[in-house]
Amino acid sequence: MKVYDVAVIGSGAAGAMGSLRAVLNNLDTVTFMGSPRTKKSARATWVGKIENMPNLFDKTKGVIQSSNDVFKWINSSDLWKDNLSQVKSSVTKVTGEKGNFELTTDKGETFFAQNILLGTGIMDMQPEIQGSIKPIFPMANAGHIEYCILCDGHKSKGKDTTIIGHDETAGWIATMLFERYENPSMTIVTNGKPTEIKEDSELGKRVKKYGIKIVESPILEILGDAKEEGLVGLQLEDGTIIKTQKGFVSLGVIPHNELALQVGAKVDERGFVVTDTVGESNVPGFFVAGDLRGGKKNQIYTSWDMAVDSVNRIDRYVRDGKRNS
């Protein structure tokens, strides 16, 4: 029975960097690349052009293409390629403990590893428009509607901008963008839900000061052509047309934490996995890197850093085992 030093679950930013660092540390590594279903539900799959990271400006799919480059390089290296086994499946079940984790895939395959690095990430919640989430996809996939303010907030400069959301986070995003970029107009569209922004709160007063409108009517239609002129507005059920060239969705995220829960890893109130400073959960040998890890920025560079820290700790465990054997 073959037991890998480390099993990396996920092939986005965290999974790719974790695999690279593990291979370069000479660890026997198996990486589960994911299935079509799990890839479809990963935020990384849908991230387009990235402008807040060096050396990624020319990539149309920043996360996926840069991660694919990592695996291509490893596989092209005579020195390192034998350290990596890539499995084009998703992991559906994890049992066992440090030193002997058992992983089962959606194809019924079974693998064993001393340690696990989980990098399954998150998925953004989508707004329902007339009972379906599909209407948002063309504009979102073309980059006219975004989800990450730190990644893409700068793209709102000079544009009428709309935040789709109803809680205070939507208000914080709207006011922060306005303070940074002095957008020609800023509107919060709650899409039929009552706003949670209190008029007499500090946030509510700031929203009013900046002239940010809060509109509660449901969205009837997204106006514009994703491939031509782009986003031009939102048609609401009450007849209002919100002029906008840039949109941001602020409805929260879904953490892909199922495998962490299976092994008994602790999660916070939002579902993110709680870890120590190097990404190890309360389950020894079970590490988390990337957007799924609680208390960290959801950024490529933080995912890389987390993955390196986790793999270096795993490397220490493996070396300790050799010393004591």
C-alpha atoms as a PDB file:
ATOM      1  CA  MET A   1       0.000   0.000   0.000  1.00  0.00           C
ATOM      2  CA  LYS A   2       1.529   3.281  -1.132  1.00  0.00           C
ATOM      3  CA  VAL A   3       1.332   6.135   1.379  1.00  0.00           C
ATOM      4  CA  TYR A   4       2.124   9.599   0.020  1.00  0.00           C
ATOM      5  CA  ASP A   5       3.870  12.169   2.175  1.00  0.00           C
ATOM      6  CA  VAL A   6       1.134  14.670   1.363  1.00  0.00           C
ATOM      7  CA  ALA A   7      -2.163  14.737  -0.483  1.00  0.00           C
ATOM      8  CA  VAL A   8      -3.100  18.119  -1.933  1.00  0.00           C
ATOM      9  CA  ILE A   9      -6.821  18.532  -2.574  1.00  0.00           C
ATOM     10  CA  GLY A  10      -7.517  21.263  -5.116  1.00  0.00           C
ATOM     11  CA  SER A  11      -5.651  22.733  -8.076  1.00  0.00           C
ATOM     12  CA  GLY A  12      -6.287  26.466  -7.765  1.00  0.00           C
ATOM     13  CA  ALA A  13      -3.838  28.983  -6.338  1.00  0.00           C
ATOM     14  CA  ALA A  14      -3.387  27.197  -3.000  1.00  0.00           C
ATOM     15  CA  GLY A  15      -3.321  23.712  -4.487  1.00  0.00           C
ATOM     16  CA  ALA A  16      -0.840  24.620  -7.211  1.00  0.00           C
ATOM     17  CA  MET A  17       1.547  26.369  -4.836  1.00  0.00           C
ATOM     18  CA  GLY A  18       1.191  23.602  -2.275  1.00  0.00           C
ATOM     19  CA  SER A  19       2.030  21.036  -4.932  1.00  0.00           C
ATOM     20  CA  LEU A  20       5.021  23.042  -6.160  1.00  0.00           C
ATOM     21  CA  ARG A  21       6.475  23.563  -2.694  1.00  0.00           C
ATOM     22  CA  ALA A  22       5.910  19.921  -1.772  1.00  0.00           C
ATOM     23  CA  VAL A  23       7.625  18.689  -4.928  1.00  0.00           C
ATOM     24  CA  LEU A  24      10.572  21.044  -4.434  1.00  0.00           C
ATOM     25  CA  ASN A  25      10.841  19.833  -0.836  1.00  0.00           C
ATOM     26  CA  ASN A  26      11.228  16.358  -2.350  1.00  0.00           C
ATOM     27  CA  LEU A  27       7.981  15.121  -0.836  1.00  0.00           C
ATOM     28  CA  ASP A  28       6.070  12.291  -2.484  1.00  0.00           C
ATOM     29  CA  THR A  29       2.967  14.217  -3.493  1.00  0.00           C
ATOM     30  CA  VAL A  30      -0.454  13.367  -4.882  1.00  0.00           C
ATOM     31  CA  THR A  31      -2.650  16.229  -6.060  1.00  0.00           C
ATOM     32  CA  PHE A  32      -6.351  15.848  -6.721  1.00  0.00           C
ATOM     33  CA  MET A  33      -7.143  18.207  -9.585  1.00  0.00           C
ATOM     34  CA  GLY A  34     -10.914  18.074  -9.167  1.00  0.00           C
ATOM     35  CA  SER A  35     -13.814  16.844 -11.261  1.00  0.00           C
ATOM     36  CA  PRO A  36     -15.821  18.886 -13.787  1.00  0.00           C
ATOM     37  CA  ARG A  37     -18.486  19.366 -11.120  1.00  0.00           C
ATOM     38  CA  THR A  38     -16.155  20.638  -8.405  1.00  0.00           C
ATOM     39  CA  LYS A  39     -14.265  22.858 -10.841  1.00  0.00           C
ATOM     40  CA  LYS A  40     -17.531  24.440 -11.929  1.00  0.00           C
ATOM     41  CA  SER A  41     -18.301  25.368  -8.323  1.00  0.00           C
ATOM     42  CA  ALA A  42     -14.869  26.874  -7.624  1.00  0.00           C
ATOM     43  CA  ARG A  43     -14.369  30.644  -7.583  1.00  0.00           C
ATOM     44  CA  ALA A  44     -10.959  30.205  -9.227  1.00  0.00           C
ATOM     45  CA  THR A  45     -12.569  28.810 -12.381  1.00  0.00           C
ATOM     46  CA  TRP A  46     -14.479  32.020 -13.009  1.00  0.00           C
ATOM     47  CA  VAL A  47     -11.810  34.598 -12.170  1.00  0.00           C
ATOM     48  CA  GLY A  48     -10.885  36.481 -15.342  1.00  0.00           C
ATOM     49  CA  LYS A  49      -8.189  39.084 -15.868  1.00  0.00           C
ATOM     50  CA  ILE A  50      -6.187  39.980 -12.777  1.00  0.00           C
ATOM     51  CA  GLU A  51      -4.775  43.478 -12.413  1.00  0.00           C
ATOM     52  CA  ASN A  52      -3.723  43.505  -8.754  1.00  0.00           C
ATOM     53  CA  MET A  53      -0.977  40.886  -9.047  1.00  0.00           C
ATOM     54  CA  PRO A  54       2.411  41.221 -10.770  1.00  0.00           C
ATOM     55  CA  ASN A  55       3.089  39.033 -13.818  1.00  0.00           C
ATOM     56  CA  LEU A  56      -0.546  38.003 -14.366  1.00  0.00           C
ATOM     57  CA  PHE A  57      -1.701  40.966 -16.445  1.00  0.00           C
ATOM     58  CA  ASP A  58      -1.636  39.098 -19.769  1.00  0.00           C
ATOM     59  CA  LYS A  59      -3.709  36.116 -18.631  1.00  0.00           C
ATOM     60  CA  THR A  60      -7.410  35.997 -19.487  1.00  0.00           C
ATOM     61  CA  LYS A  61      -8.063  33.465 -16.698  1.00  0.00           C
ATOM     62  CA  GLY A  62      -5.557  34.527 -14.075  1.00  0.00           C
ATOM     63  CA  VAL A  63      -5.920  31.841 -11.423  1.00  0.00           C
ATOM     64  CA  ILE A  64      -6.460  28.830 -13.643  1.00  0.00           C
ATOM     65  CA  GLN A  65      -3.794  29.696 -16.210  1.00  0.00           C
ATOM     66  CA  SER A  66      -1.136  30.524 -13.624  1.00  0.00           C
ATOM     67  CA  SER A  67      -1.929  27.322 -11.725  1.00  0.00           C
ATOM     68  CA  ASN A  68      -1.809  25.270 -14.917  1.00  0.00           C
ATOM     69  CA  ASP A  69       1.615  26.771 -15.623  1.00  0.00           C
ATOM     70  CA  VAL A  70       2.847  25.352 -12.316  1.00  0.00           C
ATOM     71  CA  PHE A  71       1.801  21.806 -13.157  1.00  0.00           C
ATOM     72  CA  LYS A  72       3.170  22.095 -16.707  1.00  0.00           C
ATOM     73  CA  TRP A  73       6.534  23.147 -15.328  1.00  0.00           C
ATOM     74  CA  ILE A  74       6.666  20.310 -12.817  1.00  0.00           C
ATOM     75  CA  ASN A  75       5.759  17.758 -15.476  1.00  0.00           C
ATOM     76  CA  SER A  76       8.419  19.133 -17.823  1.00  0.00           C
ATOM     77  CA  SER A  77      11.166  18.798 -15.219  1.00  0.00           C
ATOM     78  CA  ASP A  78      13.130  15.550 -15.282  1.00  0.00           C
ATOM     79  CA  LEU A  79      14.343  16.330 -11.775  1.00  0.00           C
ATOM     80  CA  TRP A  80      10.932  16.842 -10.162  1.00  0.00           C
ATOM     81  CA  LYS A  81       8.168  15.257 -12.233  1.00  0.00           C
ATOM     82  CA  ASP A  82       8.375  11.883 -10.492  1.00  0.00           C
ATOM     83  CA  ASN A  83       7.548  13.547  -7.169  1.00  0.00           C
ATOM     84  CA  LEU A  84       4.035  14.445  -8.344  1.00  0.00           C
ATOM     85  CA  SER A  85       1.052  12.231  -9.107  1.00  0.00           C
ATOM     86  CA  GLN A  86      -1.925  14.115 -10.531  1.00  0.00           C
ATOM     87  CA  VAL A  87      -5.386  12.614 -10.146  1.00  0.00           C
ATOM     88  CA  LYS A  88      -8.165  14.054 -12.293  1.00  0.00           C
ATOM     89  CA  SER A  89     -10.853  13.353  -9.722  1.00  0.00           C
ATOM     90  CA  SER A  90     -12.413  15.028  -6.725  1.00  0.00           C
ATOM     91  CA  VAL A  91     -12.107  13.694  -3.203  1.00  0.00           C
ATOM     92  CA  THR A  92     -15.474  12.819  -1.697  1.00  0.00           C
ATOM     93  CA  LYS A  93     -14.421  11.182   1.566  1.00  0.00           C
ATOM     94  CA  VAL A  94     -11.548  11.477   4.022  1.00  0.00           C
ATOM     95  CA  THR A  95     -11.024   9.225   7.027  1.00  0.00           C
ATOM     96  CA  GLY A  96      -8.137   8.267   9.264  1.00  0.00           C
ATOM     97  CA  GLU A  97      -5.571  10.341  11.076  1.00  0.00           C
ATOM     98  CA  LYS A  98      -2.131  11.886  10.736  1.00  0.00           C
ATOM     99  CA  GLY A  99       0.230   9.349   9.229  1.00  0.00           C
ATOM    100  CA  ASN A 100      -2.569   7.333   7.647  1.00  0.00           C
ATOM    101  CA  PHE A 101      -5.335   9.361   6.038  1.00  0.00           C
ATOM    102  CA  GLU A 102      -7.515   7.508   3.546  1.00  0.00           C
ATOM    103  CA  LEU A 103      -8.973   9.475   0.636  1.00  0.00           C
ATOM    104  CA  THR A 104     -11.755   8.231  -1.644  1.00  0.00           C
ATOM    105  CA  THR A 105     -12.549   9.906  -4.964  1.00  0.00           C
ATOM    106  CA  ASP A 106     -15.763  10.365  -6.900  1.00  0.00           C
ATOM    107  CA  LYS A 107     -14.568   7.524  -9.149  1.00  0.00           C
ATOM    108  CA  GLY A 108     -14.175   5.128  -6.230  1.00  0.00           C
ATOM    109  CA  GLU A 109     -10.373   5.312  -6.170  1.00  0.00           C
ATOM    110  CA  THR A 110      -8.591   5.030  -2.823  1.00  0.00           C
ATOM    111  CA  PHE A 111      -5.380   6.806  -1.831  1.00  0.00           C
ATOM    112  CA  PHE A 112      -3.400   7.086   1.401  1.00  0.00           C
ATOM    113  CA  ALA A 113      -1.323   9.982   2.712  1.00  0.00           C
ATOM    114  CA  GLN A 114       0.468  10.947   5.894  1.00  0.00           C
ATOM    115  CA  ASN A 115      -0.771  14.544   5.682  1.00  0.00           C
ATOM    116  CA  ILE A 116      -3.426  16.503   3.814  1.00  0.00           C
ATOM    117  CA  LEU A 117      -3.441  20.044   2.442  1.00  0.00           C
ATOM    118  CA  LEU A 118      -6.995  21.124   1.634  1.00  0.00           C
ATOM    119  CA  GLY A 119      -7.428  23.922  -0.898  1.00  0.00           C
ATOM    120  CA  THR A 120     -11.017  23.573  -2.093  1.00  0.00           C
ATOM    121  CA  GLY A 121     -11.802  27.254  -1.643  1.00  0.00           C
ATOM    122  CA  ILE A 122     -15.161  28.992  -1.791  1.00  0.00           C
ATOM    123  CA  MET A 123     -17.929  29.955  -4.193  1.00  0.00           C
ATOM    124  CA  ASP A 124     -19.753  33.272  -4.301  1.00  0.00           C
ATOM    125  CA  MET A 125     -23.461  33.477  -3.591  1.00  0.00           C
ATOM    126  CA  GLN A 126     -25.364  34.604  -6.671  1.00  0.00           C
ATOM    127  CA  PRO A 127     -28.377  36.926  -6.850  1.00  0.00           C
ATOM    128  CA  GLU A 128     -31.625  35.416  -8.037  1.00  0.00           C
ATOM    129  CA  ILE A 129     -33.139  37.437 -10.845  1.00  0.00           C
ATOM    130  CA  GLN A 130     -36.730  36.489 -11.530  1.00  0.00           C
ATOM    131  CA  GLY A 131     -36.183  33.148  -9.816  1.00  0.00           C
ATOM    132  CA  SER A 132     -32.915  32.166 -11.475  1.00  0.00           C
ATOM    133  CA  ILE A 133     -29.209  32.793 -10.922  1.00  0.00           C
ATOM    134  CA  LYS A 134     -28.436  32.345 -14.626  1.00  0.00           C
ATOM    135  CA  PRO A 135     -29.058  35.956 -15.763  1.00  0.00           C
ATOM    136  CA  ILE A 136     -26.005  37.193 -13.834  1.00  0.00           C
ATOM    137  CA  PHE A 137     -23.524  34.846 -15.507  1.00  0.00           C
ATOM    138  CA  PRO A 138     -22.918  36.518 -18.906  1.00  0.00           C
ATOM    139  CA  MET A 139     -21.998  39.864 -17.314  1.00  0.00           C
ATOM    140  CA  ALA A 140     -20.069  38.198 -14.489  1.00  0.00           C
ATOM    141  CA  ASN A 141     -18.079  35.969 -16.834  1.00  0.00           C
ATOM    142  CA  ALA A 142     -17.217  38.991 -18.990  1.00  0.00           C
ATOM    143  CA  GLY A 143     -16.002  40.944 -15.948  1.00  0.00           C
ATOM    144  CA  HIS A 144     -18.709  43.615 -15.987  1.00  0.00           C
ATOM    145  CA  ILE A 145     -20.055  42.364 -12.654  1.00  0.00           C
ATOM    146  CA  GLU A 146     -17.472  41.418 -10.015  1.00  0.00           C
ATOM    147  CA  TYR A 147     -17.329  39.845  -6.553  1.00  0.00           C
ATOM    148  CA  CYS A 148     -14.003  40.832  -4.987  1.00  0.00           C
ATOM    149  CA  ILE A 149     -13.440  44.464  -4.030  1.00  0.00           C
ATOM    150  CA  LEU A 150      -9.748  44.061  -3.259  1.00  0.00           C
ATOM    151  CA  CYS A 151      -9.220  42.313  -6.598  1.00  0.00           C
ATOM    152  CA  ASP A 152     -11.405  44.432  -8.851  1.00  0.00           C
ATOM    153  CA  GLY A 153     -12.685  47.490  -7.007  1.00  0.00           C
ATOM    154  CA  HIS A 154     -10.317  49.739  -8.968  1.00  0.00           C
ATOM    155  CA  LYS A 155     -12.153  48.823 -12.168  1.00  0.00           C
ATOM    156  CA  SER A 156     -15.097  50.951 -11.010  1.00  0.00           C
ATOM    157  CA  LYS A 157     -13.152  54.204 -11.406  1.00  0.00           C
ATOM    158  CA  GLY A 158     -15.029  56.611 -13.655  1.00  0.00           C
ATOM    159  CA  LYS A 159     -18.077  54.342 -13.855  1.00  0.00           C
ATOM    160  CA  ASP A 160     -21.615  54.454 -12.503  1.00  0.00           C
ATOM    161  CA  THR A 161     -21.472  51.574 -10.052  1.00  0.00           C
ATOM    162  CA  THR A 162     -24.050  49.323  -8.419  1.00  0.00           C
ATOM    163  CA  ILE A 163     -23.720  47.025  -5.421  1.00  0.00           C
ATOM    164  CA  ILE A 164     -26.158  44.101  -5.335  1.00  0.00           C
ATOM    165  CA  GLY A 165     -26.730  43.283  -1.679  1.00  0.00           C
ATOM    166  CA  HIS A 166     -28.881  44.171   1.305  1.00  0.00           C
ATOM    167  CA  ASP A 167     -26.754  43.928   4.444  1.00  0.00           C
ATOM    168  CA  GLU A 168     -24.238  46.305   5.999  1.00  0.00           C
ATOM    169  CA  THR A 169     -21.403  44.778   4.003  1.00  0.00           C
ATOM    170  CA  ALA A 170     -23.003  46.125   0.835  1.00  0.00           C
ATOM    171  CA  GLY A 171     -23.020  49.565   2.459  1.00  0.00           C
ATOM    172  CA  TRP A 172     -19.377  49.318   3.500  1.00  0.00           C
ATOM    173  CA  ILE A 173     -18.397  48.317  -0.030  1.00  0.00           C
ATOM    174  CA  ALA A 174     -20.399  51.132  -1.602  1.00  0.00           C
ATOM    175  CA  THR A 175     -18.956  53.815   0.673  1.00  0.00           C
ATOM    176  CA  MET A 176     -15.400  52.507   0.413  1.00  0.00           C
ATOM    177  CA  LEU A 177     -15.486  52.466  -3.378  1.00  0.00           C
ATOM    178  CA  PHE A 178     -16.968  55.960  -3.456  1.00  0.00           C
ATOM    179  CA  GLU A 179     -14.305  57.278  -1.089  1.00  0.00           C
ATOM    180  CA  ARG A 180     -11.546  55.780  -3.207  1.00  0.00           C
ATOM    181  CA  TYR A 181     -12.763  56.421  -6.731  1.00  0.00           C
ATOM    182  CA  GLU A 182     -15.442  59.140  -6.484  1.00  0.00           C
ATOM    183  CA  ASN A 183     -17.694  57.221  -8.843  1.00  0.00           C
ATOM    184  CA  PRO A 184     -20.121  59.341 -10.907  1.00  0.00           C
ATOM    185  CA  SER A 185     -22.944  57.511  -9.122  1.00  0.00           C
ATOM    186  CA  MET A 186     -23.195  54.706  -6.576  1.00  0.00           C
ATOM    187  CA  THR A 187     -26.346  52.659  -5.959  1.00  0.00           C
ATOM    188  CA  ILE A 188     -27.146  49.767  -3.648  1.00  0.00           C
ATOM    189  CA  VAL A 189     -29.797  47.449  -5.119  1.00  0.00           C
ATOM    190  CA  THR A 190     -31.197  45.046  -2.532  1.00  0.00           C
ATOM    191  CA  ASN A 191     -33.102  42.979  -5.128  1.00  0.00           C
ATOM    192  CA  GLY A 192     -36.353  42.769  -3.195  1.00  0.00           C
ATOM    193  CA  LYS A 193     -34.934  42.363   0.291  1.00  0.00           C
ATOM    194  CA  PRO A 194     -35.210  45.022   2.996  1.00  0.00           C
ATOM    195  CA  THR A 195     -31.964  46.841   3.604  1.00  0.00           C
ATOM    196  CA  GLU A 196     -30.193  46.188   6.887  1.00  0.00           C
ATOM    197  CA  ILE A 197     -28.471  49.571   6.790  1.00  0.00           C
ATOM    198  CA  LYS A 198     -29.988  51.739   9.525  1.00  0.00           C
ATOM    199  CA  GLU A 199     -30.402  55.390   8.568  1.00  0.00           C
ATOM    200  CA  ASP A 200     -29.248  56.629  11.983  1.00  0.00           C
ATOM    201  CA  SER A 201     -26.147  54.402  12.107  1.00  0.00           C
ATOM    202  CA  GLU A 202     -22.667  55.670  11.304  1.00  0.00           C
ATOM    203  CA  LEU A 203     -22.783  53.690   8.062  1.00  0.00           C
ATOM    204  CA  GLY A 204     -26.257  54.943   7.192  1.00  0.00           C
ATOM    205  CA  LYS A 205     -25.192  58.547   7.701  1.00  0.00           C
ATOM    206  CA  ARG A 206     -22.175  58.019   5.480  1.00  0.00           C
ATOM    207  CA  VAL A 207     -24.326  56.463   2.758  1.00  0.00           C
ATOM    208  CA  LYS A 208     -26.567  59.527   2.868  1.00  0.00           C
ATOM    209  CA  LYS A 209     -23.618  61.953   2.909  1.00  0.00           C
ATOM    210  CA  TYR A 210     -22.211  60.468  -0.297  1.00  0.00           C
ATOM    211  CA  GLY A 211     -25.585  60.475  -2.040  1.00  0.00           C
ATOM    212  CA  ILE A 212     -25.631  56.705  -2.379  1.00  0.00           C
ATOM    213  CA  LYS A 213     -29.118  55.499  -3.249  1.00  0.00           C
ATOM    214  CA  ILE A 214     -30.620  52.354  -1.741  1.00  0.00           C
ATOM    215  CA  VAL A 215     -33.245  50.783  -3.991  1.00  0.00           C
ATOM    216  CA  GLU A 216     -35.214  47.770  -2.766  1.00  0.00           C
ATOM    217  CA  SER A 217     -37.215  46.791  -5.853  1.00  0.00           C
ATOM    218  CA  PRO A 218     -36.345  43.361  -7.312  1.00  0.00           C
ATOM    219  CA  ILE A 219     -34.221  43.221 -10.443  1.00  0.00           C
ATOM    220  CA  LEU A 220     -36.252  42.447 -13.549  1.00  0.00           C
ATOM    221  CA  GLU A 221     -33.487  42.428 -16.144  1.00  0.00           C
ATOM    222  CA  ILE A 222     -29.801  43.150 -16.640  1.00  0.00           C
ATOM    223  CA  LEU A 223     -29.376  45.614 -19.488  1.00  0.00           C
ATOM    224  CA  GLY A 224     -26.592  45.526 -22.047  1.00  0.00           C
ATOM    225  CA  ASP A 225     -24.664  42.973 -24.071  1.00  0.00           C
ATOM    226  CA  ALA A 226     -21.777  41.264 -22.294  1.00  0.00           C
ATOM    227  CA  LYS A 227     -19.789  40.898 -25.522  1.00  0.00           C
ATOM    228  CA  GLU A 228     -20.576  44.294 -27.053  1.00  0.00           C
ATOM    229  CA  GLU A 229     -21.234  47.473 -25.058  1.00  0.00           C
ATOM    230  CA  GLY A 230     -21.099  45.693 -21.724  1.00  0.00           C
ATOM    231  CA  LEU A 231     -23.281  46.483 -18.726  1.00  0.00           C
ATOM    232  CA  VAL A 232     -25.432  49.587 -19.179  1.00  0.00           C
ATOM    233  CA  GLY A 233     -28.050  49.257 -16.461  1.00  0.00           C
ATOM    234  CA  LEU A 234     -30.479  47.306 -14.316  1.00  0.00           C
ATOM    235  CA  GLN A 235     -34.208  47.272 -15.014  1.00  0.00           C
ATOM    236  CA  LEU A 236     -36.168  46.933 -11.754  1.00  0.00           C
ATOM    237  CA  GLU A 237     -39.682  45.599 -11.271  1.00  0.00           C
ATOM    238  CA  ASP A 238     -41.025  49.005 -10.233  1.00  0.00           C
ATOM    239  CA  GLY A 239     -39.986  50.463 -13.587  1.00  0.00           C
ATOM    240  CA  THR A 240     -36.801  52.105 -12.362  1.00  0.00           C
ATOM    241  CA  ILE A 241     -33.740  51.830 -14.586  1.00  0.00           C
ATOM    242  CA  ILE A 242     -30.433  52.073 -12.728  1.00  0.00           C
ATOM    243  CA  LYS A 243     -27.728  53.405 -15.024  1.00  0.00           C
ATOM    244  CA  THR A 244     -24.569  51.434 -14.319  1.00  0.00           C
ATOM    245  CA  GLN A 245     -21.438  50.255 -16.088  1.00  0.00           C
ATOM    246  CA  LYS A 246     -19.947  48.296 -13.195  1.00  0.00           C
ATOM    247  CA  GLY A 247     -21.569  45.968 -10.700  1.00  0.00           C
ATOM    248  CA  PHE A 248     -20.444  44.142  -7.578  1.00  0.00           C
ATOM    249  CA  VAL A 249     -22.278  41.284  -5.879  1.00  0.00           C
ATOM    250  CA  SER A 250     -22.200  41.359  -2.075  1.00  0.00           C
ATOM    251  CA  LEU A 251     -24.182  38.337  -0.903  1.00  0.00           C
ATOM    252  CA  GLY A 252     -21.547  36.266   0.872  1.00  0.00           C
ATOM    253  CA  VAL A 253     -19.819  33.025  -0.050  1.00  0.00           C
ATOM    254  CA  ILE A 254     -20.187  29.266   0.300  1.00  0.00           C
ATOM    255  CA  PRO A 255     -17.085  27.635   1.840  1.00  0.00           C
ATOM    256  CA  HIS A 256     -16.298  24.203   0.383  1.00  0.00           C
ATOM    257  CA  ASN A 257     -15.648  22.728   3.832  1.00  0.00           C
ATOM    258  CA  GLU A 258     -17.271  19.302   3.513  1.00  0.00           C
ATOM    259  CA  LEU A 259     -14.037  17.327   3.761  1.00  0.00           C
ATOM    260  CA  ALA A 260     -12.852  19.375   6.717  1.00  0.00           C
ATOM    261  CA  LEU A 261     -16.088  18.634   8.545  1.00  0.00           C
ATOM    262  CA  GLN A 262     -15.742  14.928   7.783  1.00  0.00           C
ATOM    263  CA  VAL A 263     -12.481  14.694   9.718  1.00  0.00           C
ATOM    264  CA  GLY A 264     -13.735  16.863  12.581  1.00  0.00           C
ATOM    265  CA  ALA A 265     -11.923  20.108  11.783  1.00  0.00           C
ATOM    266  CA  LYS A 266     -13.324  23.167  13.528  1.00  0.00           C
ATOM    267  CA  VAL A 267     -15.006  25.861  11.464  1.00  0.00           C
ATOM    268  CA  ASP A 268     -16.067  29.369  12.408  1.00  0.00           C
ATOM    269  CA  GLU A 269     -19.594  30.804  12.283  1.00  0.00           C
ATOM    270  CA  ARG A 270     -19.261  31.427   8.532  1.00  0.00           C
ATOM    271  CA  GLY A 271     -17.961  27.947   7.770  1.00  0.00           C
ATOM    272  CA  PHE A 272     -14.281  28.788   7.278  1.00  0.00           C
ATOM    273  CA  VAL A 273     -11.793  26.336   8.772  1.00  0.00           C
ATOM    274  CA  VAL A 274     -10.024  27.483  11.935  1.00  0.00           C
ATOM    275  CA  THR A 275      -6.283  26.794  11.910  1.00  0.00           C
ATOM    276  CA  ASP A 276      -3.059  27.737  13.631  1.00  0.00           C
ATOM    277  CA  THR A 277      -0.521  30.132  12.117  1.00  0.00           C
ATOM    278  CA  VAL A 278       0.734  27.587   9.567  1.00  0.00           C
ATOM    279  CA  GLY A 279      -2.685  26.326   8.513  1.00  0.00           C
ATOM    280  CA  GLU A 280      -2.940  23.175  10.615  1.00  0.00           C
ATOM    281  CA  SER A 281      -6.434  22.515  11.895  1.00  0.00           C
ATOM    282  CA  ASN A 282      -7.323  20.970  15.237  1.00  0.00           C
ATOM    283  CA  VAL A 283      -6.951  17.630  13.448  1.00  0.00           C
ATOM    284  CA  PRO A 284      -3.200  16.842  13.412  1.00  0.00           C
ATOM    285  CA  GLY A 285      -1.786  16.561   9.902  1.00  0.00           C
ATOM    286  CA  PHE A 286      -4.847  18.158   8.290  1.00  0.00           C
ATOM    287  CA  PHE A 287      -3.958  21.561   6.842  1.00  0.00           C
ATOM    288  CA  VAL A 288      -5.957  24.211   5.004  1.00  0.00           C
ATOM    289  CA  ALA A 289      -4.695  26.911   2.642  1.00  0.00           C
ATOM    290  CA  GLY A 290      -6.397  29.456   0.427  1.00  0.00           C
ATOM    291  CA  ASP A 291      -9.834  31.030   0.653  1.00  0.00           C
ATOM    292  CA  LEU A 292     -11.232  28.240   2.846  1.00  0.00           C
ATOM    293  CA  ARG A 293      -8.933  29.140   5.737  1.00  0.00           C
ATOM    294  CA  GLY A 294     -10.494  31.526   8.220  1.00  0.00           C
ATOM    295  CA  GLY A 295      -9.143  34.965   9.061  1.00  0.00           C
ATOM    296  CA  LYS A 296      -7.139  35.539   5.872  1.00  0.00           C
ATOM    297  CA  LYS A 297      -7.461  37.687   2.755  1.00  0.00           C
ATOM    298  CA  ASN A 298      -9.009  35.877  -0.193  1.00  0.00           C
ATOM    299  CA  GLN A 299      -6.119  36.642  -2.515  1.00  0.00           C
ATOM    300  CA  ILE A 300      -3.750  34.674  -4.736  1.00  0.00           C
ATOM    301  CA  TYR A 301      -0.667  35.910  -2.928  1.00  0.00           C
ATOM    302  CA  THR A 302      -2.044  34.985   0.490  1.00  0.00           C
ATOM    303  CA  SER A 303      -3.043  31.554  -0.827  1.00  0.00           C
ATOM    304  CA  TRP A 304       0.515  31.022  -2.024  1.00  0.00           C
ATOM    305  CA  ASP A 305       1.953  32.113   1.306  1.00  0.00           C
ATOM    306  CA  MET A 306      -0.421  29.911   3.287  1.00  0.00           C
ATOM    307  CA  ALA A 307       0.361  26.893   1.131  1.00  0.00           C
ATOM    308  CA  VAL A 308       4.112  27.336   1.577  1.00  0.00           C
ATOM    309  CA  ASP A 309       3.775  27.625   5.360  1.00  0.00           C
ATOM    310  CA  SER A 310       1.619  24.504   5.517  1.00  0.00           C
ATOM    311  CA  VAL A 311       3.879  22.418   3.296  1.00  0.00           C
ATOM    312  CA  ASN A 312       6.971  23.451   5.225  1.00  0.00           C
ATOM    313  CA  ARG A 313       5.325  22.214   8.422  1.00  0.00           C
ATOM    314  CA  ILE A 314       4.354  18.985   6.666  1.00  0.00           C
ATOM    315  CA  ASP A 315       7.944  18.687   5.474  1.00  0.00           C
ATOM    316  CA  ARG A 316       9.119  18.980   9.067  1.00  0.00           C
ATOM    317  CA  TYR A 317       6.740  16.220  10.124  1.00  0.00           C
ATOM    318  CA  VAL A 318       8.065  13.953   7.380  1.00  0.00           C
ATOM    319  CA  ARG A 319      11.684  14.687   8.294  1.00  0.00           C
ATOM    320  CA  ASP A 320      10.937  14.109  11.980  1.00  0.00           C
ATOM    321  CA  GLY A 321       9.539  10.725  11.024  1.00  0.00           C
ATOM    322  CA  LYS A 322      12.738   9.830   9.203  1.00  0.00           C
ATOM    323  CA  ARG A 323      14.857  10.880  12.170  1.00  0.00           C
ATOM    324  CA  ASN A 324      12.848   8.782  14.568  1.00  0.00           C
ATOM    325  CA  SER A 325      12.443   5.694  12.392  1.00  0.00           C
END
